[in-house]
Amino acid sequence: MTVATHKTIRAGTRGSALARAQTAWVLERIQSAAGPVACETIVISTQGDRDQQRPPAAFGGKGMFTLEIEDALLNGKIDLAVHSLKDLPTENRPGLCLGAIPLRENPADALIGPTVADLVKAPGAFRIGTSSLRRSAQLHSAFRGCDVVPLRGNVDTRLRKVREGVVDAAVLAVAGLARLGHRDQIAGELPHRIMLPAPGQGALAIQVRTDSWLMPLLQTHLHCPRTAACVTAERALLSTLGGGCILPVGALATVEEDKLSLVARVVAPDGSTSVEDAVTGPLDNADALGIQLADQMLNAGAAEILDKL
């Protein structure tokens, strides 16, 4: 089957404004590459979307925003799935694979409300909303005495809660804010010395069945090999540390010429202890570099931090 003979490309996604925007971006590029082909967005409700009360840890940390979408893909109800890569478990389910990882957006986290300088001056003066253990732990480590409170919901919901004074500040991904046209809400980016992003943050994952006829098109027109190498290293590290997007683990890989550099940080939930390390090696050895760095960190004390979670 080819794009020309297929009637409609069905793309599965979550129902949030961000998920829909990301899916629209992917489908626009497919249509640009393939010509006049019909595309349809299929919104699929996930457990993480339906239950906004429990913290992410209550879901076990794997697949809370992806499981139902993957089920639809395996059952043939959709032809591809568009995920935020950081939400996707590090291991593909049998029968599924990543068809493409497009060029990554800015992977940093942003402060909404006060500036970094404000937090440095008076860390306890602001109620900072986040339900991410990674963000909370790094905030506690960088700003001793800060007040971090749970804050769930989509991007617009969290921005509204800051405006309404439910919290004084929030931490959100720069990429999501940018994709929704909310750059003007950013008080400042959190530098990586304070806040390393989640593995895969800022990148999209286009998931397909392993026998998908879309694979050649996706690989040719949407895949970014350098982004793929970076997130491969980050996800290999996360998998070796125990997997799951709820771990207090920040990681970021960058590429310069044919070298890949990976830095990672594991932080105790209260910020009292952390282990940080880095590694550099060949770009085509991304998976092994992630595993190597994780092993180094586990031996340096990260295992003790993670065992106490």
C-alpha atoms as a PDB file:
ATOM      1  CA  MET A   1       0.000   0.000   0.000  1.00  0.00           C
ATOM      2  CA  THR A   2       1.176   3.526  -0.739  1.00  0.00           C
ATOM      3  CA  VAL A   3       0.115   6.995   0.333  1.00  0.00           C
ATOM      4  CA  ALA A   4      -1.538   7.465  -3.048  1.00  0.00           C
ATOM      5  CA  THR A   5      -3.739   4.373  -2.655  1.00  0.00           C
ATOM      6  CA  HIS A   6      -4.607   4.852   1.011  1.00  0.00           C
ATOM      7  CA  LYS A   7      -7.872   6.714   1.539  1.00  0.00           C
ATOM      8  CA  THR A   8      -7.218   8.387   4.882  1.00  0.00           C
ATOM      9  CA  ILE A   9      -4.285   8.527   7.292  1.00  0.00           C
ATOM     10  CA  ARG A  10      -5.684   8.256  10.801  1.00  0.00           C
ATOM     11  CA  ALA A  11      -3.530   9.794  13.530  1.00  0.00           C
ATOM     12  CA  GLY A  12      -4.229   8.998  17.172  1.00  0.00           C
ATOM     13  CA  THR A  13      -3.537  11.493  19.924  1.00  0.00           C
ATOM     14  CA  ARG A  14      -4.643  12.740  23.307  1.00  0.00           C
ATOM     15  CA  GLY A  15      -7.327  15.412  23.451  1.00  0.00           C
ATOM     16  CA  SER A  16      -5.385  18.317  24.938  1.00  0.00           C
ATOM     17  CA  ALA A  17      -4.759  21.448  22.900  1.00  0.00           C
ATOM     18  CA  LEU A  18      -1.037  20.669  22.910  1.00  0.00           C
ATOM     19  CA  ALA A  19      -1.519  17.091  21.708  1.00  0.00           C
ATOM     20  CA  ARG A  20      -3.836  18.267  18.922  1.00  0.00           C
ATOM     21  CA  ALA A  21      -1.385  20.989  17.868  1.00  0.00           C
ATOM     22  CA  GLN A  22       1.465  18.508  17.729  1.00  0.00           C
ATOM     23  CA  THR A  23      -0.600  16.077  15.670  1.00  0.00           C
ATOM     24  CA  ALA A  24      -1.688  18.817  13.275  1.00  0.00           C
ATOM     25  CA  TRP A  25       1.979  19.757  12.794  1.00  0.00           C
ATOM     26  CA  VAL A  26       2.856  16.152  11.920  1.00  0.00           C
ATOM     27  CA  LEU A  27      -0.062  15.722   9.515  1.00  0.00           C
ATOM     28  CA  GLU A  28       0.727  18.994   7.751  1.00  0.00           C
ATOM     29  CA  ARG A  29       4.231  17.725   7.037  1.00  0.00           C
ATOM     30  CA  ILE A  30       2.945  14.375   5.835  1.00  0.00           C
ATOM     31  CA  GLN A  31       0.588  16.140   3.426  1.00  0.00           C
ATOM     32  CA  SER A  32       3.369  18.461   2.295  1.00  0.00           C
ATOM     33  CA  ALA A  33       5.554  15.467   1.480  1.00  0.00           C
ATOM     34  CA  ALA A  34       2.906  13.109   0.089  1.00  0.00           C
ATOM     35  CA  GLY A  35       0.629  15.478  -1.759  1.00  0.00           C
ATOM     36  CA  PRO A  36      -3.166  15.545  -1.491  1.00  0.00           C
ATOM     37  CA  VAL A  37      -3.868  12.760   0.994  1.00  0.00           C
ATOM     38  CA  ALA A  38      -6.739  12.845   3.460  1.00  0.00           C
ATOM     39  CA  CYS A  39      -5.785  12.895   7.134  1.00  0.00           C
ATOM     40  CA  GLU A  40      -7.947  12.476  10.208  1.00  0.00           C
ATOM     41  CA  THR A  41      -7.147  13.131  13.866  1.00  0.00           C
ATOM     42  CA  ILE A  42      -8.585  10.517  16.225  1.00  0.00           C
ATOM     43  CA  VAL A  43      -8.733  11.742  19.832  1.00  0.00           C
ATOM     44  CA  ILE A  44      -8.194   8.968  22.365  1.00  0.00           C
ATOM     45  CA  SER A  45      -8.760   9.383  26.094  1.00  0.00           C
ATOM     46  CA  THR A  46      -5.960   8.049  28.297  1.00  0.00           C
ATOM     47  CA  GLN A  47      -5.979   7.120  31.960  1.00  0.00           C
ATOM     48  CA  GLY A  48      -3.709  10.036  32.791  1.00  0.00           C
ATOM     49  CA  ASP A  49      -6.158  12.449  31.150  1.00  0.00           C
ATOM     50  CA  ARG A  50      -9.240  11.012  32.827  1.00  0.00           C
ATOM     51  CA  ASP A  51      -7.818  11.016  36.355  1.00  0.00           C
ATOM     52  CA  GLN A  52      -6.525  14.483  37.201  1.00  0.00           C
ATOM     53  CA  GLN A  53      -6.623  13.963  40.968  1.00  0.00           C
ATOM     54  CA  ARG A  54      -4.005  11.309  41.620  1.00  0.00           C
ATOM     55  CA  PRO A  55      -0.293  12.134  41.286  1.00  0.00           C
ATOM     56  CA  PRO A  56       1.605  10.575  38.352  1.00  0.00           C
ATOM     57  CA  ALA A  57       3.332   8.118  40.705  1.00  0.00           C
ATOM     58  CA  ALA A  58      -0.037   6.508  41.425  1.00  0.00           C
ATOM     59  CA  PHE A  59      -0.195   5.237  37.834  1.00  0.00           C
ATOM     60  CA  GLY A  60       3.059   3.313  38.106  1.00  0.00           C
ATOM     61  CA  GLY A  61       4.932   5.753  35.899  1.00  0.00           C
ATOM     62  CA  LYS A  62       4.659   3.916  32.586  1.00  0.00           C
ATOM     63  CA  GLY A  63       2.121   4.520  29.851  1.00  0.00           C
ATOM     64  CA  MET A  64      -0.304   6.759  31.738  1.00  0.00           C
ATOM     65  CA  PHE A  65      -0.636   8.998  28.656  1.00  0.00           C
ATOM     66  CA  THR A  66       0.081   6.438  25.930  1.00  0.00           C
ATOM     67  CA  LEU A  67      -1.352   2.983  26.680  1.00  0.00           C
ATOM     68  CA  GLU A  68      -4.817   3.464  25.165  1.00  0.00           C
ATOM     69  CA  ILE A  69      -3.355   5.144  22.078  1.00  0.00           C
ATOM     70  CA  GLU A  70      -0.983   2.224  21.562  1.00  0.00           C
ATOM     71  CA  ASP A  71      -3.908  -0.175  21.938  1.00  0.00           C
ATOM     72  CA  ALA A  72      -5.729   1.630  19.117  1.00  0.00           C
ATOM     73  CA  LEU A  73      -2.616   1.438  16.956  1.00  0.00           C
ATOM     74  CA  LEU A  74      -2.183  -2.284  17.564  1.00  0.00           C
ATOM     75  CA  ASN A  75      -5.879  -2.895  16.856  1.00  0.00           C
ATOM     76  CA  GLY A  76      -5.711  -1.067  13.518  1.00  0.00           C
ATOM     77  CA  LYS A  77      -8.044   1.753  14.554  1.00  0.00           C
ATOM     78  CA  ILE A  78      -5.362   4.332  13.728  1.00  0.00           C
ATOM     79  CA  ASP A  79      -2.389   4.337  11.344  1.00  0.00           C
ATOM     80  CA  LEU A  80       0.042   6.299  13.494  1.00  0.00           C
ATOM     81  CA  ALA A  81       0.254   7.819  16.952  1.00  0.00           C
ATOM     82  CA  VAL A  82       1.768  11.155  17.896  1.00  0.00           C
ATOM     83  CA  HIS A  83       3.248  11.316  21.397  1.00  0.00           C
ATOM     84  CA  SER A  84       5.351  13.664  23.437  1.00  0.00           C
ATOM     85  CA  LEU A  85       8.416  11.432  23.569  1.00  0.00           C
ATOM     86  CA  LYS A  86       8.972  12.015  27.290  1.00  0.00           C
ATOM     87  CA  ASP A  87       5.595  10.324  27.977  1.00  0.00           C
ATOM     88  CA  LEU A  88       6.423   7.187  25.992  1.00  0.00           C
ATOM     89  CA  PRO A  89       7.815   4.149  27.859  1.00  0.00           C
ATOM     90  CA  THR A  90      11.416   3.352  26.977  1.00  0.00           C
ATOM     91  CA  GLU A  91      10.494  -0.074  25.591  1.00  0.00           C
ATOM     92  CA  ASN A  92       8.226  -0.422  22.542  1.00  0.00           C
ATOM     93  CA  ARG A  93       5.376  -2.862  22.866  1.00  0.00           C
ATOM     94  CA  PRO A  94       5.601  -5.880  20.521  1.00  0.00           C
ATOM     95  CA  GLY A  95       4.369  -4.938  17.066  1.00  0.00           C
ATOM     96  CA  LEU A  96       5.096  -1.224  17.479  1.00  0.00           C
ATOM     97  CA  CYS A  97       8.096   0.952  16.646  1.00  0.00           C
ATOM     98  CA  LEU A  98       9.067   4.592  16.272  1.00  0.00           C
ATOM     99  CA  GLY A  99       8.540   5.608  12.663  1.00  0.00           C
ATOM    100  CA  ALA A 100      10.168   9.002  13.110  1.00  0.00           C
ATOM    101  CA  ILE A 101      11.497  11.433  15.692  1.00  0.00           C
ATOM    102  CA  PRO A 102      11.297  14.956  14.220  1.00  0.00           C
ATOM    103  CA  LEU A 103      13.680  17.812  14.954  1.00  0.00           C
ATOM    104  CA  ARG A 104      13.551  18.607  18.632  1.00  0.00           C
ATOM    105  CA  GLU A 105      12.179  21.851  20.054  1.00  0.00           C
ATOM    106  CA  ASN A 106      13.882  23.655  22.945  1.00  0.00           C
ATOM    107  CA  PRO A 107      14.070  20.978  25.689  1.00  0.00           C
ATOM    108  CA  ALA A 108      14.342  23.416  28.617  1.00  0.00           C
ATOM    109  CA  ASP A 109      11.834  24.064  31.389  1.00  0.00           C
ATOM    110  CA  ALA A 110      10.351  27.520  31.955  1.00  0.00           C
ATOM    111  CA  LEU A 111       9.186  29.452  34.990  1.00  0.00           C
ATOM    112  CA  ILE A 112       5.733  30.991  34.869  1.00  0.00           C
ATOM    113  CA  GLY A 113       5.260  33.863  37.315  1.00  0.00           C
ATOM    114  CA  PRO A 114       8.435  34.868  39.156  1.00  0.00           C
ATOM    115  CA  THR A 115      11.892  34.952  37.604  1.00  0.00           C
ATOM    116  CA  VAL A 116      14.837  32.792  38.592  1.00  0.00           C
ATOM    117  CA  ALA A 117      16.299  35.846  40.337  1.00  0.00           C
ATOM    118  CA  ASP A 118      13.098  36.157  42.389  1.00  0.00           C
ATOM    119  CA  LEU A 119      13.443  32.556  43.574  1.00  0.00           C
ATOM    120  CA  VAL A 120      17.092  33.055  44.451  1.00  0.00           C
ATOM    121  CA  LYS A 121      16.222  36.083  46.617  1.00  0.00           C
ATOM    122  CA  ALA A 122      13.221  34.575  48.393  1.00  0.00           C
ATOM    123  CA  PRO A 123      12.750  30.861  47.641  1.00  0.00           C
ATOM    124  CA  GLY A 124      10.076  30.400  50.290  1.00  0.00           C
ATOM    125  CA  ALA A 125       7.933  33.307  49.132  1.00  0.00           C
ATOM    126  CA  PHE A 126       6.331  31.501  46.200  1.00  0.00           C
ATOM    127  CA  ARG A 127       4.070  28.454  45.985  1.00  0.00           C
ATOM    128  CA  ILE A 128       5.466  26.660  42.939  1.00  0.00           C
ATOM    129  CA  GLY A 129       3.105  24.242  41.246  1.00  0.00           C
ATOM    130  CA  THR A 130       4.292  21.017  39.629  1.00  0.00           C
ATOM    131  CA  SER A 131       3.358  17.346  39.897  1.00  0.00           C
ATOM    132  CA  SER A 132       6.641  16.242  38.339  1.00  0.00           C
ATOM    133  CA  LEU A 133       8.955  14.572  40.856  1.00  0.00           C
ATOM    134  CA  ARG A 134      11.916  15.483  38.626  1.00  0.00           C
ATOM    135  CA  ARG A 135      11.027  19.177  38.668  1.00  0.00           C
ATOM    136  CA  SER A 136      10.125  19.220  42.351  1.00  0.00           C
ATOM    137  CA  ALA A 137      13.355  17.516  43.418  1.00  0.00           C
ATOM    138  CA  GLN A 138      15.541  19.837  41.368  1.00  0.00           C
ATOM    139  CA  LEU A 139      13.667  22.898  42.673  1.00  0.00           C
ATOM    140  CA  HIS A 140      14.241  21.746  46.254  1.00  0.00           C
ATOM    141  CA  SER A 141      17.917  21.171  45.475  1.00  0.00           C
ATOM    142  CA  ALA A 142      18.471  24.569  43.843  1.00  0.00           C
ATOM    143  CA  PHE A 143      16.217  26.713  46.037  1.00  0.00           C
ATOM    144  CA  ARG A 144      16.423  25.434  49.596  1.00  0.00           C
ATOM    145  CA  GLY A 145      13.234  26.140  51.495  1.00  0.00           C
ATOM    146  CA  CYS A 146      11.061  26.585  48.411  1.00  0.00           C
ATOM    147  CA  ASP A 147       7.386  25.649  48.634  1.00  0.00           C
ATOM    148  CA  VAL A 148       6.433  23.131  45.932  1.00  0.00           C
ATOM    149  CA  VAL A 149       2.801  22.022  45.682  1.00  0.00           C
ATOM    150  CA  PRO A 150       1.020  19.553  43.356  1.00  0.00           C
ATOM    151  CA  LEU A 151      -0.327  21.011  40.114  1.00  0.00           C
ATOM    152  CA  ARG A 152      -1.834  18.809  37.422  1.00  0.00           C
ATOM    153  CA  GLY A 153      -3.715  19.658  34.246  1.00  0.00           C
ATOM    154  CA  ASN A 154      -2.969  20.632  30.675  1.00  0.00           C
ATOM    155  CA  VAL A 155      -0.888  23.669  29.746  1.00  0.00           C
ATOM    156  CA  ASP A 156      -3.803  26.106  29.663  1.00  0.00           C
ATOM    157  CA  THR A 157      -5.147  24.837  32.992  1.00  0.00           C
ATOM    158  CA  ARG A 158      -1.810  25.332  34.726  1.00  0.00           C
ATOM    159  CA  LEU A 159      -1.373  28.812  33.245  1.00  0.00           C
ATOM    160  CA  ARG A 160      -4.864  29.726  34.422  1.00  0.00           C
ATOM    161  CA  LYS A 161      -4.128  28.530  37.959  1.00  0.00           C
ATOM    162  CA  VAL A 162      -1.125  30.845  38.095  1.00  0.00           C
ATOM    163  CA  ARG A 163      -3.237  33.767  36.854  1.00  0.00           C
ATOM    164  CA  GLU A 164      -5.956  33.031  39.412  1.00  0.00           C
ATOM    165  CA  GLY A 165      -3.469  32.791  42.279  1.00  0.00           C
ATOM    166  CA  VAL A 166      -4.048  29.115  43.034  1.00  0.00           C
ATOM    167  CA  VAL A 167      -0.245  28.961  42.868  1.00  0.00           C
ATOM    168  CA  ASP A 168       2.298  31.763  42.543  1.00  0.00           C
ATOM    169  CA  ALA A 169       4.436  29.994  39.970  1.00  0.00           C
ATOM    170  CA  ALA A 170       4.568  26.936  37.754  1.00  0.00           C
ATOM    171  CA  VAL A 171       7.200  25.046  35.802  1.00  0.00           C
ATOM    172  CA  LEU A 172       6.288  23.985  32.258  1.00  0.00           C
ATOM    173  CA  ALA A 173       8.210  22.785  29.224  1.00  0.00           C
ATOM    174  CA  VAL A 174       9.302  25.558  26.878  1.00  0.00           C
ATOM    175  CA  ALA A 175       8.428  23.379  23.871  1.00  0.00           C
ATOM    176  CA  GLY A 176       4.798  22.967  24.872  1.00  0.00           C
ATOM    177  CA  LEU A 177       4.389  26.670  25.557  1.00  0.00           C
ATOM    178  CA  ALA A 178       5.956  27.511  22.198  1.00  0.00           C
ATOM    179  CA  ARG A 179       3.768  25.064  20.265  1.00  0.00           C
ATOM    180  CA  LEU A 180       0.668  26.683  21.763  1.00  0.00           C
ATOM    181  CA  GLY A 181       1.830  30.250  21.190  1.00  0.00           C
ATOM    182  CA  HIS A 182       2.421  31.002  24.874  1.00  0.00           C
ATOM    183  CA  ARG A 183       6.051  32.132  24.785  1.00  0.00           C
ATOM    184  CA  ASP A 184       4.930  35.462  26.223  1.00  0.00           C
ATOM    185  CA  GLN A 185       3.963  33.692  29.460  1.00  0.00           C
ATOM    186  CA  ILE A 186       7.551  32.648  30.177  1.00  0.00           C
ATOM    187  CA  ALA A 187       9.176  34.639  33.001  1.00  0.00           C
ATOM    188  CA  GLY A 188      12.464  32.901  32.284  1.00  0.00           C
ATOM    189  CA  GLU A 189      14.028  29.614  31.264  1.00  0.00           C
ATOM    190  CA  LEU A 190      15.507  27.516  34.036  1.00  0.00           C
ATOM    191  CA  PRO A 191      19.190  26.983  33.163  1.00  0.00           C
ATOM    192  CA  HIS A 192      20.367  23.393  32.950  1.00  0.00           C
ATOM    193  CA  ARG A 193      22.605  23.861  36.006  1.00  0.00           C
ATOM    194  CA  ILE A 194      19.343  24.227  37.954  1.00  0.00           C
ATOM    195  CA  MET A 195      16.905  22.094  35.971  1.00  0.00           C
ATOM    196  CA  LEU A 196      17.818  19.319  33.553  1.00  0.00           C
ATOM    197  CA  PRO A 197      14.843  18.308  31.388  1.00  0.00           C
ATOM    198  CA  ALA A 198      13.140  14.946  31.315  1.00  0.00           C
ATOM    199  CA  PRO A 199      14.699  12.429  28.925  1.00  0.00           C
ATOM    200  CA  GLY A 200      13.150  13.110  25.523  1.00  0.00           C
ATOM    201  CA  GLN A 201      11.598  16.438  26.531  1.00  0.00           C
ATOM    202  CA  GLY A 202      10.899  18.739  23.598  1.00  0.00           C
ATOM    203  CA  ALA A 203      10.835  15.869  21.089  1.00  0.00           C
ATOM    204  CA  LEU A 204       7.883  14.207  19.398  1.00  0.00           C
ATOM    205  CA  ALA A 205       7.550  10.500  18.677  1.00  0.00           C
ATOM    206  CA  ILE A 206       5.593   9.213  15.690  1.00  0.00           C
ATOM    207  CA  GLN A 207       4.736   5.621  16.507  1.00  0.00           C
ATOM    208  CA  VAL A 208       3.568   3.063  13.939  1.00  0.00           C
ATOM    209  CA  ARG A 209       3.128  -0.671  13.582  1.00  0.00           C
ATOM    210  CA  THR A 210       6.305  -2.506  12.630  1.00  0.00           C
ATOM    211  CA  ASP A 211       4.838  -3.399   9.221  1.00  0.00           C
ATOM    212  CA  SER A 212       3.544   0.116   8.519  1.00  0.00           C
ATOM    213  CA  TRP A 213       3.496   1.324   4.916  1.00  0.00           C
ATOM    214  CA  LEU A 214       4.124   4.829   6.297  1.00  0.00           C
ATOM    215  CA  MET A 215       7.652   4.032   7.469  1.00  0.00           C
ATOM    216  CA  PRO A 216       9.557   5.134   4.302  1.00  0.00           C
ATOM    217  CA  LEU A 217       7.682   8.433   4.142  1.00  0.00           C
ATOM    218  CA  LEU A 218       8.205   9.188   7.838  1.00  0.00           C
ATOM    219  CA  GLN A 219      11.896   8.302   7.761  1.00  0.00           C
ATOM    220  CA  THR A 220      12.527  10.395   4.660  1.00  0.00           C
ATOM    221  CA  HIS A 221      10.517  13.510   5.468  1.00  0.00           C
ATOM    222  CA  LEU A 222      10.060  13.790   9.243  1.00  0.00           C
ATOM    223  CA  HIS A 223      12.925  11.948  10.930  1.00  0.00           C
ATOM    224  CA  CYS A 224      15.882  13.866  12.421  1.00  0.00           C
ATOM    225  CA  PRO A 225      18.850  11.502  12.976  1.00  0.00           C
ATOM    226  CA  ARG A 226      20.642  13.859  15.384  1.00  0.00           C
ATOM    227  CA  THR A 227      17.567  14.318  17.538  1.00  0.00           C
ATOM    228  CA  ALA A 228      17.060  10.559  17.460  1.00  0.00           C
ATOM    229  CA  ALA A 229      20.630   9.962  18.652  1.00  0.00           C
ATOM    230  CA  CYS A 230      20.210  12.427  21.519  1.00  0.00           C
ATOM    231  CA  VAL A 231      16.947  10.977  22.793  1.00  0.00           C
ATOM    232  CA  THR A 232      18.233   7.426  22.305  1.00  0.00           C
ATOM    233  CA  ALA A 233      21.065   8.192  24.734  1.00  0.00           C
ATOM    234  CA  GLU A 234      18.717   9.868  27.211  1.00  0.00           C
ATOM    235  CA  ARG A 235      16.188   7.033  27.100  1.00  0.00           C
ATOM    236  CA  ALA A 236      18.874   4.349  27.381  1.00  0.00           C
ATOM    237  CA  LEU A 237      20.055   6.070  30.545  1.00  0.00           C
ATOM    238  CA  LEU A 238      16.500   6.245  31.910  1.00  0.00           C
ATOM    239  CA  SER A 239      15.849   2.598  31.094  1.00  0.00           C
ATOM    240  CA  THR A 240      19.037   1.498  32.845  1.00  0.00           C
ATOM    241  CA  LEU A 241      18.137   3.580  35.904  1.00  0.00           C
ATOM    242  CA  GLY A 242      14.791   1.826  36.123  1.00  0.00           C
ATOM    243  CA  GLY A 243      12.622   3.359  33.425  1.00  0.00           C
ATOM    244  CA  GLY A 244       9.467   5.370  33.934  1.00  0.00           C
ATOM    245  CA  CYS A 245       8.806   9.061  33.415  1.00  0.00           C
ATOM    246  CA  ILE A 246       8.126   9.641  37.133  1.00  0.00           C
ATOM    247  CA  LEU A 247      11.712   9.149  38.322  1.00  0.00           C
ATOM    248  CA  PRO A 248      13.563  12.263  39.600  1.00  0.00           C
ATOM    249  CA  VAL A 249      15.953  12.029  36.661  1.00  0.00           C
ATOM    250  CA  GLY A 250      17.012  14.861  34.367  1.00  0.00           C
ATOM    251  CA  ALA A 251      19.081  14.214  31.249  1.00  0.00           C
ATOM    252  CA  LEU A 252      20.140  16.088  28.155  1.00  0.00           C
ATOM    253  CA  ALA A 253      22.244  15.009  25.186  1.00  0.00           C
ATOM    254  CA  THR A 254      23.784  17.414  22.701  1.00  0.00           C
ATOM    255  CA  VAL A 255      25.719  16.865  19.480  1.00  0.00           C
ATOM    256  CA  GLU A 256      28.764  18.646  18.134  1.00  0.00           C
ATOM    257  CA  GLU A 257      30.129  17.331  14.844  1.00  0.00           C
ATOM    258  CA  ASP A 258      30.372  13.556  15.335  1.00  0.00           C
ATOM    259  CA  LYS A 259      30.439  13.612  19.147  1.00  0.00           C
ATOM    260  CA  LEU A 260      27.519  13.181  21.520  1.00  0.00           C
ATOM    261  CA  SER A 261      27.662  14.577  25.055  1.00  0.00           C
ATOM    262  CA  LEU A 262      25.197  13.416  27.701  1.00  0.00           C
ATOM    263  CA  VAL A 263      24.719  14.945  31.146  1.00  0.00           C
ATOM    264  CA  ALA A 264      22.316  13.568  33.740  1.00  0.00           C
ATOM    265  CA  ARG A 265      21.206  14.217  37.295  1.00  0.00           C
ATOM    266  CA  VAL A 266      19.397  12.067  39.867  1.00  0.00           C
ATOM    267  CA  VAL A 267      18.011  14.000  42.834  1.00  0.00           C
ATOM    268  CA  ALA A 268      16.395  12.893  46.086  1.00  0.00           C
ATOM    269  CA  PRO A 269      12.779  14.131  46.310  1.00  0.00           C
ATOM    270  CA  ASP A 270      13.644  16.592  49.086  1.00  0.00           C
ATOM    271  CA  GLY A 271      16.673  17.879  47.174  1.00  0.00           C
ATOM    272  CA  SER A 272      19.071  16.885  49.944  1.00  0.00           C
ATOM    273  CA  THR A 273      21.187  14.553  47.819  1.00  0.00           C
ATOM    274  CA  SER A 274      22.012  14.403  44.136  1.00  0.00           C
ATOM    275  CA  VAL A 275      24.306  12.612  41.733  1.00  0.00           C
ATOM    276  CA  GLU A 276      25.355  14.276  38.492  1.00  0.00           C
ATOM    277  CA  ASP A 277      27.724  13.007  35.826  1.00  0.00           C
ATOM    278  CA  ALA A 278      28.440  13.320  32.118  1.00  0.00           C
ATOM    279  CA  VAL A 279      29.932  11.325  29.276  1.00  0.00           C
ATOM    280  CA  THR A 280      31.048  12.038  25.712  1.00  0.00           C
ATOM    281  CA  GLY A 281      31.531   9.602  22.873  1.00  0.00           C
ATOM    282  CA  PRO A 282      30.817   8.768  19.223  1.00  0.00           C
ATOM    283  CA  LEU A 283      27.465   9.922  17.870  1.00  0.00           C
ATOM    284  CA  ASP A 284      26.728   6.448  16.521  1.00  0.00           C
ATOM    285  CA  ASN A 285      27.177   4.933  19.995  1.00  0.00           C
ATOM    286  CA  ALA A 286      24.264   6.750  21.655  1.00  0.00           C
ATOM    287  CA  ASP A 287      22.604   3.751  23.280  1.00  0.00           C
ATOM    288  CA  ALA A 288      25.842   2.492  24.835  1.00  0.00           C
ATOM    289  CA  LEU A 289      26.708   5.976  26.112  1.00  0.00           C
ATOM    290  CA  GLY A 290      23.386   6.211  27.919  1.00  0.00           C
ATOM    291  CA  ILE A 291      23.901   2.824  29.544  1.00  0.00           C
ATOM    292  CA  GLN A 292      27.487   3.713  30.487  1.00  0.00           C
ATOM    293  CA  LEU A 293      26.472   6.960  32.178  1.00  0.00           C
ATOM    294  CA  ALA A 294      23.627   5.294  34.069  1.00  0.00           C
ATOM    295  CA  ASP A 295      26.000   2.618  35.390  1.00  0.00           C
ATOM    296  CA  GLN A 296      28.477   5.288  36.494  1.00  0.00           C
ATOM    297  CA  MET A 297      25.753   7.157  38.348  1.00  0.00           C
ATOM    298  CA  LEU A 298      24.306   4.061  39.987  1.00  0.00           C
ATOM    299  CA  ASN A 299      27.746   3.221  41.333  1.00  0.00           C
ATOM    300  CA  ALA A 300      28.220   6.821  42.510  1.00  0.00           C
ATOM    301  CA  GLY A 301      25.127   6.852  44.727  1.00  0.00           C
ATOM    302  CA  ALA A 302      22.131   7.150  42.401  1.00  0.00           C
ATOM    303  CA  ALA A 303      21.078   3.602  43.284  1.00  0.00           C
ATOM    304  CA  GLU A 304      20.623   4.598  46.928  1.00  0.00           C
ATOM    305  CA  ILE A 305      18.481   7.600  45.949  1.00  0.00           C
ATOM    306  CA  LEU A 306      16.273   5.565  43.616  1.00  0.00           C
ATOM    307  CA  ASP A 307      15.933   2.635  46.037  1.00  0.00           C
ATOM    308  CA  LYS A 308      14.304   4.955  48.585  1.00  0.00           C
ATOM    309  CA  LEU A 309      11.528   6.128  46.262  1.00  0.00           C
END
